[in-house]
Amino acid sequence: LAKIFDRDVTEFTPELRFKEDLVTSSMQKLMIVAVIEELTGQ
């Protein structure tokens, strides 16, 4: 997540909101999907 959003890993708290705090783009969400699939095999 830190790589995808170009932020320090310490900024990622459980309360951090994707839409409001990170202003997540569709491309970033697709990148997160790819990470989840790679790490979980699902």
PDB file of all heavy atoms in Angstrom:
ATOM      1  N   LEU A   1       0.828  -1.206   0.000  1.00  0.00           N
ATOM      2  CA  LEU A   1       0.000   0.000   0.000  1.00  0.00           C
ATOM      3  C   LEU A   1       0.863   1.256   0.000  1.00  0.00           C
ATOM      4  O   LEU A   1       0.561   2.221  -0.708  1.00  0.00           O
ATOM      5  CB  LEU A   1      -0.939   0.002   1.210  1.00  0.00           C
ATOM      6  CG  LEU A   1      -2.090  -0.990   1.197  1.00  0.00           C
ATOM      7  CD1 LEU A   1      -2.850  -0.930   2.521  1.00  0.00           C
ATOM      8  CD2 LEU A   1      -3.024  -0.760   0.031  1.00  0.00           C
ATOM      9  N   ALA A   2       1.927   1.231   0.775  1.00  0.00           N
ATOM     10  CA  ALA A   2       2.834   2.378   0.818  1.00  0.00           C
ATOM     11  C   ALA A   2       3.425   2.650  -0.559  1.00  0.00           C
ATOM     12  O   ALA A   2       3.543   3.811  -0.981  1.00  0.00           O
ATOM     13  CB  ALA A   2       3.946   2.136   1.846  1.00  0.00           C
ATOM     14  N   LYS A   3       3.778   1.599  -1.284  1.00  0.00           N
ATOM     15  CA  LYS A   3       4.307   1.768  -2.648  1.00  0.00           C
ATOM     16  C   LYS A   3       3.239   2.325  -3.583  1.00  0.00           C
ATOM     17  O   LYS A   3       3.510   3.248  -4.357  1.00  0.00           O
ATOM     18  CB  LYS A   3       4.807   0.431  -3.200  1.00  0.00           C
ATOM     19  CG  LYS A   3       6.081  -0.071  -2.594  1.00  0.00           C
ATOM     20  CD  LYS A   3       6.454  -1.392  -3.245  1.00  0.00           C
ATOM     21  CE  LYS A   3       7.469  -2.161  -2.444  1.00  0.00           C
ATOM     22  NZ  LYS A   3       7.713  -3.501  -3.020  1.00  0.00           N
ATOM     23  N   ILE A   4       2.050   1.763  -3.526  1.00  0.00           N
ATOM     24  CA  ILE A   4       0.971   2.179  -4.423  1.00  0.00           C
ATOM     25  C   ILE A   4       0.628   3.650  -4.226  1.00  0.00           C
ATOM     26  O   ILE A   4       0.412   4.383  -5.192  1.00  0.00           O
ATOM     27  CB  ILE A   4      -0.281   1.298  -4.211  1.00  0.00           C
ATOM     28  CG1 ILE A   4      -0.005  -0.120  -4.723  1.00  0.00           C
ATOM     29  CG2 ILE A   4      -1.508   1.901  -4.896  1.00  0.00           C
ATOM     30  CD1 ILE A   4      -1.059  -1.147  -4.337  1.00  0.00           C
ATOM     31  N   PHE A   5       0.605   4.098  -2.972  1.00  0.00           N
ATOM     32  CA  PHE A   5       0.207   5.472  -2.677  1.00  0.00           C
ATOM     33  C   PHE A   5       1.385   6.424  -2.474  1.00  0.00           C
ATOM     34  O   PHE A   5       1.183   7.595  -2.177  1.00  0.00           O
ATOM     35  CB  PHE A   5      -0.710   5.503  -1.450  1.00  0.00           C
ATOM     36  CG  PHE A   5      -2.048   4.880  -1.723  1.00  0.00           C
ATOM     37  CD1 PHE A   5      -2.322   3.579  -1.334  1.00  0.00           C
ATOM     38  CD2 PHE A   5      -3.029   5.580  -2.392  1.00  0.00           C
ATOM     39  CE1 PHE A   5      -3.537   2.990  -1.593  1.00  0.00           C
ATOM     40  CE2 PHE A   5      -4.257   5.009  -2.667  1.00  0.00           C
ATOM     41  CZ  PHE A   5      -4.514   3.706  -2.264  1.00  0.00           C
ATOM     42  N   ASP A   6       2.596   5.906  -2.630  1.00  0.00           N
ATOM     43  CA  ASP A   6       3.809   6.705  -2.469  1.00  0.00           C
ATOM     44  C   ASP A   6       3.810   7.454  -1.130  1.00  0.00           C
ATOM     45  O   ASP A   6       3.972   8.667  -1.067  1.00  0.00           O
ATOM     46  CB  ASP A   6       3.955   7.684  -3.632  1.00  0.00           C
ATOM     47  CG  ASP A   6       5.364   8.281  -3.699  1.00  0.00           C
ATOM     48  OD1 ASP A   6       6.313   7.603  -3.256  1.00  0.00           O
ATOM     49  OD2 ASP A   6       5.507   9.426  -4.182  1.00  0.00           O
ATOM     50  N   ARG A   7       3.603   6.682  -0.070  1.00  0.00           N
ATOM     51  CA  ARG A   7       3.574   7.217   1.295  1.00  0.00           C
ATOM     52  C   ARG A   7       4.410   6.327   2.202  1.00  0.00           C
ATOM     53  O   ARG A   7       4.734   5.202   1.859  1.00  0.00           O
ATOM     54  CB  ARG A   7       2.144   7.255   1.835  1.00  0.00           C
ATOM     55  CG  ARG A   7       1.254   8.245   1.128  1.00  0.00           C
ATOM     56  CD  ARG A   7      -0.114   8.195   1.736  1.00  0.00           C
ATOM     57  NE  ARG A   7      -0.982   9.184   1.143  1.00  0.00           N
ATOM     58  CZ  ARG A   7      -1.739  10.005   1.847  1.00  0.00           C
ATOM     59  NH1 ARG A   7      -1.750   9.951   3.152  1.00  0.00           N
ATOM     60  NH2 ARG A   7      -2.512  10.873   1.248  1.00  0.00           N
ATOM     61  N   ASP A   8       4.695   6.829   3.369  1.00  0.00           N
ATOM     62  CA  ASP A   8       5.418   6.038   4.360  1.00  0.00           C
ATOM     63  C   ASP A   8       4.478   5.001   4.953  1.00  0.00           C
ATOM     64  O   ASP A   8       3.299   5.292   5.210  1.00  0.00           O
ATOM     65  CB  ASP A   8       5.966   6.950   5.462  1.00  0.00           C
ATOM     66  CG  ASP A   8       6.912   6.207   6.369  1.00  0.00           C
ATOM     67  OD1 ASP A   8       8.107   6.124   6.040  1.00  0.00           O
ATOM     68  OD2 ASP A   8       6.431   5.675   7.393  1.00  0.00           O
ATOM     69  N   VAL A   9       4.993   3.816   5.175  1.00  0.00           N
ATOM     70  CA  VAL A   9       4.171   2.720   5.687  1.00  0.00           C
ATOM     71  C   VAL A   9       3.545   3.060   7.040  1.00  0.00           C
ATOM     72  O   VAL A   9       2.454   2.581   7.363  1.00  0.00           O
ATOM     73  CB  VAL A   9       4.991   1.409   5.735  1.00  0.00           C
ATOM     74  CG1 VAL A   9       6.022   1.451   6.839  1.00  0.00           C
ATOM     75  CG2 VAL A   9       4.095   0.207   5.873  1.00  0.00           C
ATOM     76  N   THR A  10       4.166   3.926   7.821  1.00  0.00           N
ATOM     77  CA  THR A  10       3.635   4.289   9.137  1.00  0.00           C
ATOM     78  C   THR A  10       2.358   5.115   9.049  1.00  0.00           C
ATOM     79  O   THR A  10       1.646   5.260  10.035  1.00  0.00           O
ATOM     80  CB  THR A  10       4.683   5.066   9.962  1.00  0.00           C
ATOM     81  OG1 THR A  10       5.031   6.256   9.246  1.00  0.00           O
ATOM     82  CG2 THR A  10       5.917   4.219  10.207  1.00  0.00           C
ATOM     83  N   GLU A  11       2.041   5.646   7.870  1.00  0.00           N
ATOM     84  CA  GLU A  11       0.819   6.431   7.693  1.00  0.00           C
ATOM     85  C   GLU A  11      -0.427   5.558   7.588  1.00  0.00           C
ATOM     86  O   GLU A  11      -1.544   6.054   7.696  1.00  0.00           O
ATOM     87  CB  GLU A  11       0.924   7.299   6.436  1.00  0.00           C
ATOM     88  CG  GLU A  11       1.994   8.370   6.511  1.00  0.00           C
ATOM     89  CD  GLU A  11       2.051   9.190   5.243  1.00  0.00           C
ATOM     90  OE1 GLU A  11       0.986   9.654   4.778  1.00  0.00           O
ATOM     91  OE2 GLU A  11       3.153   9.361   4.714  1.00  0.00           O
ATOM     92  N   PHE A  12      -0.245   4.259   7.384  1.00  0.00           N
ATOM     93  CA  PHE A  12      -1.377   3.366   7.143  1.00  0.00           C
ATOM     94  C   PHE A  12      -1.891   2.777   8.451  1.00  0.00           C
ATOM     95  O   PHE A  12      -1.475   1.717   8.881  1.00  0.00           O
ATOM     96  CB  PHE A  12      -0.992   2.284   6.131  1.00  0.00           C
ATOM     97  CG  PHE A  12      -0.809   2.854   4.760  1.00  0.00           C
ATOM     98  CD1 PHE A  12       0.431   3.327   4.361  1.00  0.00           C
ATOM     99  CD2 PHE A  12      -1.879   2.986   3.907  1.00  0.00           C
ATOM    100  CE1 PHE A  12       0.601   3.891   3.117  1.00  0.00           C
ATOM    101  CE2 PHE A  12      -1.720   3.556   2.658  1.00  0.00           C
ATOM    102  CZ  PHE A  12      -0.474   4.002   2.264  1.00  0.00           C
ATOM    103  N   THR A  13      -2.817   3.506   9.061  1.00  0.00           N
ATOM    104  CA  THR A  13      -3.476   3.065  10.289  1.00  0.00           C
ATOM    105  C   THR A  13      -4.777   2.369   9.917  1.00  0.00           C
ATOM    106  O   THR A  13      -5.302   2.575   8.818  1.00  0.00           O
ATOM    107  CB  THR A  13      -3.783   4.263  11.193  1.00  0.00           C
ATOM    108  OG1 THR A  13      -4.723   5.115  10.511  1.00  0.00           O
ATOM    109  CG2 THR A  13      -2.518   5.044  11.543  1.00  0.00           C
ATOM    110  N   PRO A  14      -5.330   1.562  10.814  1.00  0.00           N
ATOM    111  CA  PRO A  14      -6.593   0.878  10.506  1.00  0.00           C
ATOM    112  C   PRO A  14      -7.743   1.836  10.174  1.00  0.00           C
ATOM    113  O   PRO A  14      -8.641   1.491   9.419  1.00  0.00           O
ATOM    114  CB  PRO A  14      -6.891   0.087  11.779  1.00  0.00           C
ATOM    115  CG  PRO A  14      -5.553  -0.146  12.391  1.00  0.00           C
ATOM    116  CD  PRO A  14      -4.761   1.097  12.075  1.00  0.00           C
ATOM    117  N   GLU A  15      -7.711   3.039  10.706  1.00  0.00           N
ATOM    118  CA  GLU A  15      -8.789   4.003  10.495  1.00  0.00           C
ATOM    119  C   GLU A  15      -8.650   4.788   9.195  1.00  0.00           C
ATOM    120  O   GLU A  15      -9.580   5.496   8.801  1.00  0.00           O
ATOM    121  CB  GLU A  15      -8.846   5.011  11.657  1.00  0.00           C
ATOM    122  CG  GLU A  15      -9.103   4.384  13.001  1.00  0.00           C
ATOM    123  CD  GLU A  15      -7.836   3.794  13.633  1.00  0.00           C
ATOM    124  OE1 GLU A  15      -6.718   4.214  13.283  1.00  0.00           O
ATOM    125  OE2 GLU A  15      -7.975   2.874  14.453  1.00  0.00           O
ATOM    126  N   LEU A  16      -7.524   4.691   8.528  1.00  0.00           N
ATOM    127  CA  LEU A  16      -7.282   5.457   7.299  1.00  0.00           C
ATOM    128  C   LEU A  16      -8.294   5.039   6.239  1.00  0.00           C
ATOM    129  O   LEU A  16      -8.448   3.864   5.922  1.00  0.00           O
ATOM    130  CB  LEU A  16      -5.855   5.205   6.799  1.00  0.00           C
ATOM    131  CG  LEU A  16      -5.360   6.121   5.687  1.00  0.00           C
ATOM    132  CD1 LEU A  16      -5.193   7.548   6.184  1.00  0.00           C
ATOM    133  CD2 LEU A  16      -4.041   5.605   5.134  1.00  0.00           C
ATOM    134  N   ARG A  17      -9.004   6.033   5.675  1.00  0.00           N
ATOM    135  CA  ARG A  17     -10.072   5.770   4.704  1.00  0.00           C
ATOM    136  C   ARG A  17      -9.542   5.926   3.286  1.00  0.00           C
ATOM    137  O   ARG A  17      -8.840   6.879   2.977  1.00  0.00           O
ATOM    138  CB  ARG A  17     -11.252   6.700   4.950  1.00  0.00           C
ATOM    139  CG  ARG A  17     -11.842   6.507   6.355  1.00  0.00           C
ATOM    140  CD  ARG A  17     -13.057   7.350   6.603  1.00  0.00           C
ATOM    141  NE  ARG A  17     -14.191   6.963   5.777  1.00  0.00           N
ATOM    142  CZ  ARG A  17     -14.977   5.908   5.989  1.00  0.00           C
ATOM    143  NH1 ARG A  17     -14.747   5.108   7.010  1.00  0.00           N
ATOM    144  NH2 ARG A  17     -15.990   5.652   5.209  1.00  0.00           N
ATOM    145  N   PHE A  18      -9.902   4.969   2.430  1.00  0.00           N
ATOM    146  CA  PHE A  18      -9.415   4.995   1.052  1.00  0.00           C
ATOM    147  C   PHE A  18      -9.943   6.192   0.276  1.00  0.00           C
ATOM    148  O   PHE A  18      -9.180   6.893  -0.384  1.00  0.00           O
ATOM    149  CB  PHE A  18      -9.793   3.699   0.317  1.00  0.00           C
ATOM    150  CG  PHE A  18      -8.980   2.522   0.769  1.00  0.00           C
ATOM    151  CD1 PHE A  18      -9.549   1.533   1.551  1.00  0.00           C
ATOM    152  CD2 PHE A  18      -7.644   2.406   0.432  1.00  0.00           C
ATOM    153  CE1 PHE A  18      -8.801   0.451   1.979  1.00  0.00           C
ATOM    154  CE2 PHE A  18      -6.884   1.334   0.865  1.00  0.00           C
ATOM    155  CZ  PHE A  18      -7.472   0.354   1.637  1.00  0.00           C
ATOM    156  N   LYS A  19     -11.235   6.442   0.335  1.00  0.00           N
ATOM    157  CA  LYS A  19     -11.828   7.510  -0.462  1.00  0.00           C
ATOM    158  C   LYS A  19     -11.486   8.894   0.087  1.00  0.00           C
ATOM    159  O   LYS A  19     -11.015   9.760  -0.649  1.00  0.00           O
ATOM    160  CB  LYS A  19     -13.345   7.331  -0.525  1.00  0.00           C
ATOM    161  CG  LYS A  19     -14.040   8.345  -1.385  1.00  0.00           C
ATOM    162  CD  LYS A  19     -15.527   8.078  -1.470  1.00  0.00           C
ATOM    163  CE  LYS A  19     -16.221   9.114  -2.321  1.00  0.00           C
ATOM    164  NZ  LYS A  19     -17.663   8.891  -2.378  1.00  0.00           N
ATOM    165  N   GLU A  20     -11.720   9.094   1.367  1.00  0.00           N
ATOM    166  CA  GLU A  20     -11.576  10.430   1.940  1.00  0.00           C
ATOM    167  C   GLU A  20     -10.123  10.812   2.233  1.00  0.00           C
ATOM    168  O   GLU A  20      -9.724  11.952   1.991  1.00  0.00           O
ATOM    169  CB  GLU A  20     -12.390  10.541   3.236  1.00  0.00           C
ATOM    170  CG  GLU A  20     -13.891  10.439   3.040  1.00  0.00           C
ATOM    171  CD  GLU A  20     -14.415   9.017   2.976  1.00  0.00           C
ATOM    172  OE1 GLU A  20     -13.606   8.059   2.980  1.00  0.00           O
ATOM    173  OE2 GLU A  20     -15.652   8.849   2.921  1.00  0.00           O
ATOM    174  N   ASP A  21      -9.332   9.883   2.752  1.00  0.00           N
ATOM    175  CA  ASP A  21      -7.970  10.209   3.176  1.00  0.00           C
ATOM    176  C   ASP A  21      -6.935   9.989   2.075  1.00  0.00           C
ATOM    177  O   ASP A  21      -5.993  10.764   1.939  1.00  0.00           O
ATOM    178  CB  ASP A  21      -7.579   9.388   4.409  1.00  0.00           C
ATOM    179  CG  ASP A  21      -8.506   9.650   5.590  1.00  0.00           C
ATOM    180  OD1 ASP A  21      -8.987  10.790   5.734  1.00  0.00           O
ATOM    181  OD2 ASP A  21      -8.766   8.707   6.360  1.00  0.00           O
ATOM    182  N   LEU A  22      -7.108   8.924   1.311  1.00  0.00           N
ATOM    183  CA  LEU A  22      -6.119   8.591   0.282  1.00  0.00           C
ATOM    184  C   LEU A  22      -6.536   9.031  -1.118  1.00  0.00           C
ATOM    185  O   LEU A  22      -5.720   9.042  -2.025  1.00  0.00           O
ATOM    186  CB  LEU A  22      -5.848   7.086   0.279  1.00  0.00           C
ATOM    187  CG  LEU A  22      -5.164   6.547   1.526  1.00  0.00           C
ATOM    188  CD1 LEU A  22      -5.161   5.027   1.516  1.00  0.00           C
ATOM    189  CD2 LEU A  22      -3.743   7.082   1.625  1.00  0.00           C
ATOM    190  N   VAL A  23      -7.812   9.400  -1.284  1.00  0.00           N
ATOM    191  CA  VAL A  23      -8.358   9.784  -2.586  1.00  0.00           C
ATOM    192  C   VAL A  23      -7.938   8.749  -3.638  1.00  0.00           C
ATOM    193  O   VAL A  23      -7.249   9.039  -4.607  1.00  0.00           O
ATOM    194  CB  VAL A  23      -7.943  11.219  -2.983  1.00  0.00           C
ATOM    195  CG1 VAL A  23      -8.747  11.687  -4.183  1.00  0.00           C
ATOM    196  CG2 VAL A  23      -8.084  12.189  -1.820  1.00  0.00           C
ATOM    197  N   THR A  24      -8.350   7.519  -3.397  1.00  0.00           N
ATOM    198  CA  THR A  24      -7.932   6.375  -4.192  1.00  0.00           C
ATOM    199  C   THR A  24      -8.527   6.408  -5.595  1.00  0.00           C
ATOM    200  O   THR A  24      -9.731   6.567  -5.759  1.00  0.00           O
ATOM    201  CB  THR A  24      -8.363   5.073  -3.493  1.00  0.00           C
ATOM    202  OG1 THR A  24      -7.899   5.113  -2.146  1.00  0.00           O
ATOM    203  CG2 THR A  24      -7.803   3.857  -4.188  1.00  0.00           C
ATOM    204  N   SER A  25      -7.679   6.226  -6.591  1.00  0.00           N
ATOM    205  CA  SER A  25      -8.140   6.158  -7.984  1.00  0.00           C
ATOM    206  C   SER A  25      -8.521   4.720  -8.332  1.00  0.00           C
ATOM    207  O   SER A  25      -8.166   3.770  -7.626  1.00  0.00           O
ATOM    208  CB  SER A  25      -7.037   6.631  -8.925  1.00  0.00           C
ATOM    209  OG  SER A  25      -5.979   5.681  -8.963  1.00  0.00           O
ATOM    210  N   SER A  26      -9.213   4.560  -9.437  1.00  0.00           N
ATOM    211  CA  SER A  26      -9.578   3.223  -9.907  1.00  0.00           C
ATOM    212  C   SER A  26      -8.330   2.391 -10.189  1.00  0.00           C
ATOM    213  O   SER A  26      -8.300   1.192  -9.895  1.00  0.00           O
ATOM    214  CB  SER A  26     -10.431   3.318 -11.169  1.00  0.00           C
ATOM    215  OG  SER A  26     -11.667   3.912 -10.870  1.00  0.00           O
ATOM    216  N   MET A  27      -7.317   3.008 -10.740  1.00  0.00           N
ATOM    217  CA  MET A  27      -6.082   2.293 -11.043  1.00  0.00           C
ATOM    218  C   MET A  27      -5.419   1.793  -9.754  1.00  0.00           C
ATOM    219  O   MET A  27      -4.928   0.662  -9.698  1.00  0.00           O
ATOM    220  CB  MET A  27      -5.111   3.181 -11.822  1.00  0.00           C
ATOM    221  CG  MET A  27      -3.835   2.462 -12.216  1.00  0.00           C
ATOM    222  SD  MET A  27      -4.095   0.974 -13.204  1.00  0.00           S
ATOM    223  CE  MET A  27      -4.573   1.685 -14.746  1.00  0.00           C
ATOM    224  N   GLN A  28      -5.415   2.616  -8.722  1.00  0.00           N
ATOM    225  CA  GLN A  28      -4.834   2.189  -7.451  1.00  0.00           C
ATOM    226  C   GLN A  28      -5.624   1.023  -6.857  1.00  0.00           C
ATOM    227  O   GLN A  28      -5.041   0.098  -6.309  1.00  0.00           O
ATOM    228  CB  GLN A  28      -4.771   3.364  -6.470  1.00  0.00           C
ATOM    229  CG  GLN A  28      -3.709   4.367  -6.850  1.00  0.00           C
ATOM    230  CD  GLN A  28      -3.831   5.660  -6.080  1.00  0.00           C
ATOM    231  OE1 GLN A  28      -4.930   6.169  -5.876  1.00  0.00           O
ATOM    232  NE2 GLN A  28      -2.689   6.201  -5.669  1.00  0.00           N
ATOM    233  N   LYS A  29      -6.949   1.046  -6.997  1.00  0.00           N
ATOM    234  CA  LYS A  29      -7.763  -0.065  -6.497  1.00  0.00           C
ATOM    235  C   LYS A  29      -7.446  -1.347  -7.260  1.00  0.00           C
ATOM    236  O   LYS A  29      -7.360  -2.422  -6.667  1.00  0.00           O
ATOM    237  CB  LYS A  29      -9.245   0.266  -6.599  1.00  0.00           C
ATOM    238  CG  LYS A  29      -9.684   1.293  -5.574  1.00  0.00           C
ATOM    239  CD  LYS A  29     -11.152   1.603  -5.690  1.00  0.00           C
ATOM    240  CE  LYS A  29     -11.512   2.702  -4.700  1.00  0.00           C
ATOM    241  NZ  LYS A  29     -12.909   3.100  -4.828  1.00  0.00           N
ATOM    242  N   LEU A  30      -7.247  -1.234  -8.568  1.00  0.00           N
ATOM    243  CA  LEU A  30      -6.871  -2.409  -9.355  1.00  0.00           C
ATOM    244  C   LEU A  30      -5.506  -2.937  -8.929  1.00  0.00           C
ATOM    245  O   LEU A  30      -5.284  -4.155  -8.886  1.00  0.00           O
ATOM    246  CB  LEU A  30      -6.872  -2.074 -10.844  1.00  0.00           C
ATOM    247  CG  LEU A  30      -8.252  -1.869 -11.457  1.00  0.00           C
ATOM    248  CD1 LEU A  30      -8.117  -1.364 -12.889  1.00  0.00           C
ATOM    249  CD2 LEU A  30      -9.066  -3.144 -11.405  1.00  0.00           C
ATOM    250  N   MET A  31      -4.596  -2.042  -8.583  1.00  0.00           N
ATOM    251  CA  MET A  31      -3.278  -2.456  -8.102  1.00  0.00           C
ATOM    252  C   MET A  31      -3.408  -3.184  -6.766  1.00  0.00           C
ATOM    253  O   MET A  31      -2.722  -4.182  -6.529  1.00  0.00           O
ATOM    254  CB  MET A  31      -2.352  -1.245  -7.989  1.00  0.00           C
ATOM    255  CG  MET A  31      -2.005  -0.629  -9.337  1.00  0.00           C
ATOM    256  SD  MET A  31      -1.201   0.989  -9.214  1.00  0.00           S
ATOM    257  CE  MET A  31       0.411   0.497  -8.623  1.00  0.00           C
ATOM    258  N   ILE A  32      -4.298  -2.713  -5.908  1.00  0.00           N
ATOM    259  CA  ILE A  32      -4.530  -3.373  -4.619  1.00  0.00           C
ATOM    260  C   ILE A  32      -5.111  -4.766  -4.850  1.00  0.00           C
ATOM    261  O   ILE A  32      -4.707  -5.728  -4.191  1.00  0.00           O
ATOM    262  CB  ILE A  32      -5.450  -2.513  -3.718  1.00  0.00           C
ATOM    263  CG1 ILE A  32      -4.739  -1.207  -3.340  1.00  0.00           C
ATOM    264  CG2 ILE A  32      -5.852  -3.288  -2.464  1.00  0.00           C
ATOM    265  CD1 ILE A  32      -5.654  -0.183  -2.691  1.00  0.00           C
ATOM    266  N   VAL A  33      -6.043  -4.887  -5.798  1.00  0.00           N
ATOM    267  CA  VAL A  33      -6.607  -6.202  -6.135  1.00  0.00           C
ATOM    268  C   VAL A  33      -5.488  -7.152  -6.548  1.00  0.00           C
ATOM    269  O   VAL A  33      -5.436  -8.303  -6.105  1.00  0.00           O
ATOM    270  CB  VAL A  33      -7.674  -6.074  -7.250  1.00  0.00           C
ATOM    271  CG1 VAL A  33      -8.015  -7.430  -7.849  1.00  0.00           C
ATOM    272  CG2 VAL A  33      -8.929  -5.402  -6.709  1.00  0.00           C
ATOM    273  N   ALA A  34      -4.584  -6.675  -7.392  1.00  0.00           N
ATOM    274  CA  ALA A  34      -3.468  -7.513  -7.844  1.00  0.00           C
ATOM    275  C   ALA A  34      -2.591  -7.954  -6.677  1.00  0.00           C
ATOM    276  O   ALA A  34      -2.160  -9.113  -6.613  1.00  0.00           O
ATOM    277  CB  ALA A  34      -2.634  -6.764  -8.886  1.00  0.00           C
ATOM    278  N   VAL A  35      -2.339  -7.053  -5.734  1.00  0.00           N
ATOM    279  CA  VAL A  35      -1.537  -7.386  -4.554  1.00  0.00           C
ATOM    280  C   VAL A  35      -2.239  -8.452  -3.718  1.00  0.00           C
ATOM    281  O   VAL A  35      -1.622  -9.424  -3.285  1.00  0.00           O
ATOM    282  CB  VAL A  35      -1.259  -6.115  -3.704  1.00  0.00           C
ATOM    283  CG1 VAL A  35      -0.752  -6.480  -2.315  1.00  0.00           C
ATOM    284  CG2 VAL A  35      -0.285  -5.196  -4.418  1.00  0.00           C
ATOM    285  N   ILE A  36      -3.545  -8.270  -3.508  1.00  0.00           N
ATOM    286  CA  ILE A  36      -4.306  -9.239  -2.707  1.00  0.00           C
ATOM    287  C   ILE A  36      -4.244 -10.612  -3.359  1.00  0.00           C
ATOM    288  O   ILE A  36      -4.003 -11.619  -2.683  1.00  0.00           O
ATOM    289  CB  ILE A  36      -5.771  -8.772  -2.546  1.00  0.00           C
ATOM    290  CG1 ILE A  36      -5.835  -7.493  -1.712  1.00  0.00           C
ATOM    291  CG2 ILE A  36      -6.621  -9.874  -1.903  1.00  0.00           C
ATOM    292  CD1 ILE A  36      -7.176  -6.802  -1.765  1.00  0.00           C
ATOM    293  N   GLU A  37      -4.460 -10.649  -4.668  1.00  0.00           N
ATOM    294  CA  GLU A  37      -4.427 -11.932  -5.374  1.00  0.00           C
ATOM    295  C   GLU A  37      -3.056 -12.588  -5.274  1.00  0.00           C
ATOM    296  O   GLU A  37      -2.943 -13.789  -5.059  1.00  0.00           O
ATOM    297  CB  GLU A  37      -4.831 -11.742  -6.836  1.00  0.00           C
ATOM    298  CG  GLU A  37      -6.309 -11.441  -6.999  1.00  0.00           C
ATOM    299  CD  GLU A  37      -6.739 -11.280  -8.435  1.00  0.00           C
ATOM    300  OE1 GLU A  37      -5.877 -11.086  -9.324  1.00  0.00           O
ATOM    301  OE2 GLU A  37      -7.953 -11.351  -8.688  1.00  0.00           O
ATOM    302  N   GLU A  38      -2.010 -11.784  -5.418  1.00  0.00           N
ATOM    303  CA  GLU A  38      -0.643 -12.328  -5.347  1.00  0.00           C
ATOM    304  C   GLU A  38      -0.327 -12.875  -3.951  1.00  0.00           C
ATOM    305  O   GLU A  38       0.255 -13.943  -3.813  1.00  0.00           O
ATOM    306  CB  GLU A  38       0.364 -11.253  -5.728  1.00  0.00           C
ATOM    307  CG  GLU A  38       1.792 -11.732  -5.703  1.00  0.00           C
ATOM    308  CD  GLU A  38       2.779 -10.641  -6.078  1.00  0.00           C
ATOM    309  OE1 GLU A  38       2.460  -9.794  -6.921  1.00  0.00           O
ATOM    310  OE2 GLU A  38       3.876 -10.644  -5.499  1.00  0.00           O
ATOM    311  N   LEU A  39      -0.710 -12.148  -2.926  1.00  0.00           N
ATOM    312  CA  LEU A  39      -0.351 -12.539  -1.566  1.00  0.00           C
ATOM    313  C   LEU A  39      -1.218 -13.664  -1.000  1.00  0.00           C
ATOM    314  O   LEU A  39      -0.755 -14.420  -0.144  1.00  0.00           O
ATOM    315  CB  LEU A  39      -0.406 -11.324  -0.633  1.00  0.00           C
ATOM    316  CG  LEU A  39       0.632 -10.230  -0.885  1.00  0.00           C
ATOM    317  CD1 LEU A  39       0.403  -9.057   0.057  1.00  0.00           C
ATOM    318  CD2 LEU A  39       2.045 -10.769  -0.739  1.00  0.00           C
ATOM    319  N   THR A  40      -2.478 -13.751  -1.461  1.00  0.00           N
ATOM    320  CA  THR A  40      -3.381 -14.758  -0.893  1.00  0.00           C
ATOM    321  C   THR A  40      -3.592 -15.965  -1.800  1.00  0.00           C
ATOM    322  O   THR A  40      -4.069 -17.004  -1.332  1.00  0.00           O
ATOM    323  CB  THR A  40      -4.769 -14.156  -0.596  1.00  0.00           C
ATOM    324  OG1 THR A  40      -5.401 -13.782  -1.829  1.00  0.00           O
ATOM    325  CG2 THR A  40      -4.675 -12.981   0.352  1.00  0.00           C
ATOM    326  N   GLY A  41      -3.290 -15.810  -3.076  1.00  0.00           N
ATOM    327  CA  GLY A  41      -3.560 -16.892  -4.017  1.00  0.00           C
ATOM    328  C   GLY A  41      -5.040 -17.020  -4.340  1.00  0.00           C
ATOM    329  O   GLY A  41      -5.465 -17.984  -4.964  1.00  0.00           O
ATOM    330  N   GLN A  42      -5.843 -16.046  -3.928  1.00  0.00           N
ATOM    331  CA  GLN A  42      -7.291 -16.036  -4.164  1.00  0.00           C
ATOM    332  C   GLN A  42      -7.620 -15.019  -5.253  1.00  0.00           C
ATOM    333  O   GLN A  42      -7.045 -13.940  -5.297  1.00  0.00           O
ATOM    334  CB  GLN A  42      -8.032 -15.616  -2.894  1.00  0.00           C
ATOM    335  CG  GLN A  42      -7.795 -16.489  -1.715  1.00  0.00           C
ATOM    336  CD  GLN A  42      -8.762 -17.654  -1.679  1.00  0.00           C
ATOM    337  OE1 GLN A  42      -9.787 -17.646  -2.332  1.00  0.00           O
ATOM    338  NE2 GLN A  42      -8.409 -18.662  -0.906  1.00  0.00           N
TER     339      GLN A  42
END
